[in-house]
Protein backbone atom coordinates (compact mmCIF):
# COMPACT_ATOMS: atom_id res chain seq x y z
CA MET A 1 99.77 120.23 87.62
CA ILE A 2 99.30 117.99 90.65
CA ILE A 3 96.14 116.13 91.60
CA GLU A 4 95.97 114.69 95.10
CA SER A 5 93.41 112.59 96.94
CA GLU A 6 93.16 110.21 99.89
CA ILE A 7 91.87 106.67 99.78
CA SER A 8 90.55 105.11 102.96
CA ASN A 9 90.49 101.35 103.44
CA ASN A 10 89.71 99.54 106.70
CA LYS A 11 92.49 97.04 106.12
CA LEU A 12 95.23 99.42 104.86
CA GLY A 13 94.19 102.65 106.59
CA ILE A 14 94.60 105.90 104.68
CA LEU A 15 96.68 106.16 101.52
CA ARG A 16 97.43 109.41 99.71
CA ILE A 17 97.54 109.23 95.92
CA ARG A 18 99.19 111.94 93.83
CA ALA A 19 99.24 112.30 90.05
CA ARG A 20 101.70 114.76 88.53
CA TRP A 21 102.39 115.74 84.91
CA LEU A 22 106.05 115.45 83.95
CA GLN A 23 107.73 116.85 80.88
CA LEU A 24 111.29 115.49 81.03
CA ASP A 25 112.43 116.91 77.72
CA GLU A 26 110.76 119.21 75.22
CA ASN A 27 110.91 116.46 72.59
CA ASP A 28 109.56 113.66 74.80
CA GLN A 29 105.94 112.80 75.39
CA PRO A 30 104.52 114.11 78.68
CA LEU A 31 104.33 111.53 81.45
CA ILE A 32 102.14 111.08 84.48
CA LEU A 33 103.91 110.17 87.72
CA ILE A 34 101.61 108.47 90.21
CA THR A 35 102.73 108.09 93.82
CA LEU A 36 101.09 106.33 96.72
CA GLU A 37 101.99 107.50 100.19
CA ASP A 38 101.16 106.20 103.62
CA PRO A 39 100.83 109.45 105.61
CA HIS A 40 101.63 107.62 108.86
CA ARG A 41 104.87 106.24 107.40
CA ALA A 42 105.83 109.67 106.05
CA ILE A 43 105.38 111.25 109.48
CA GLN A 44 107.38 108.42 111.04
CA SER A 45 110.27 108.96 108.60
CA LEU A 46 110.28 112.69 109.27
CA THR A 47 110.22 112.08 113.01
CA ILE A 48 113.18 109.68 112.83
CA THR A 49 115.12 112.36 110.95
CA GLU A 50 114.26 114.86 113.69
CA VAL A 51 115.36 112.41 116.39
CA LYS A 52 118.81 112.20 114.80
CA ARG A 53 119.08 115.93 114.02
CA TYR A 54 118.16 117.07 117.52
CA GLY A 55 120.05 114.36 119.42
CA LEU A 56 117.08 112.93 121.27
CA THR A 57 117.60 110.10 123.73
CA PRO A 58 116.05 106.70 122.95
CA ARG A 59 113.19 107.38 125.41
CA GLU A 60 112.62 110.87 124.01
CA ALA A 61 112.55 109.31 120.55
CA GLU A 62 109.80 106.87 121.59
CA ILE A 63 107.76 109.68 123.07
CA TRP A 64 108.33 111.99 120.08
CA LEU A 65 107.26 109.26 117.62
CA LEU A 66 104.02 108.73 119.53
CA ARG A 67 103.38 112.46 119.88
CA GLN A 68 103.94 113.03 116.15
CA ALA A 69 101.42 110.23 115.52
CA ASN A 70 98.88 112.45 117.36
CA CYS A 71 98.81 110.40 120.54
CA SER A 72 97.68 112.32 123.59
CA TYR A 73 99.93 112.67 126.63
CA LYS A 74 97.73 110.14 128.44
CA GLU A 75 97.93 107.66 125.54
CA ILE A 76 101.73 107.99 125.49
CA ALA A 77 101.92 107.39 129.23
CA THR A 78 99.74 104.29 128.94
CA GLU A 79 101.64 102.92 125.91
CA LEU A 80 105.07 103.35 127.54
CA PHE A 81 104.02 102.48 131.13
CA ILE A 82 105.18 105.83 132.50
CA SER A 83 103.43 108.60 134.41
CA LEU A 84 101.78 111.58 132.79
CA ASN A 85 104.32 113.85 134.50
CA THR A 86 107.18 111.87 132.96
CA VAL A 87 105.66 112.35 129.51
CA LYS A 88 105.36 116.09 130.16
CA LYS A 89 108.97 116.29 131.37
CA HIS A 90 110.31 114.44 128.31
CA LEU A 91 108.27 116.61 125.91
CA LYS A 92 109.52 119.73 127.68
CA ASN A 93 113.11 118.51 127.15
CA ILE A 94 112.37 117.70 123.50
CA HIS A 95 110.94 121.16 122.85
CA THR A 96 113.98 122.72 124.53
CA LYS A 97 116.26 120.78 122.16
CA LEU A 98 114.17 121.81 119.16
CA LYS A 99 114.27 125.48 120.14
CA PHE A 100 118.01 125.33 120.82
CA HIS A 101 118.61 123.82 117.38
CA GLN A 102 116.48 126.52 115.73
CA PHE A 103 118.29 129.24 117.68
CA ARG A 104 121.66 127.81 116.65
CA GLN A 105 120.56 127.77 112.99
CA VAL A 106 119.61 131.44 113.21
CA LEU A 107 122.99 132.32 114.77
CA LEU A 108 124.84 130.44 112.05
CA ALA A 109 122.84 132.23 109.35
CA VAL A 110 123.50 135.64 110.92
CA ASN A 111 127.24 134.98 111.24
CA GLN A 112 127.66 134.01 107.59
């Protein structure tokens, strides 16, 4: 059983709290594992993994991190001091790399 909730604090932002029952061994007492997660940090970690997996350039990585943090195209352009068209071009290249990687994974699975 897992219980999950979010805690909002002006100073810390949003934290996700999860409580999970654990039974490590039939003879041991059940335990409760409590985890605190910063959803923003979790998304950032996942995005960094994607940057490495898909071979994104440093600039594409910056843009992808901001996009995954739900920044609009305009917000990304403002943050990185680039034009809106440049943001669009980079995101188009990123999506092409993502689709290529997915296509390659499907080919590898079919050939096995």
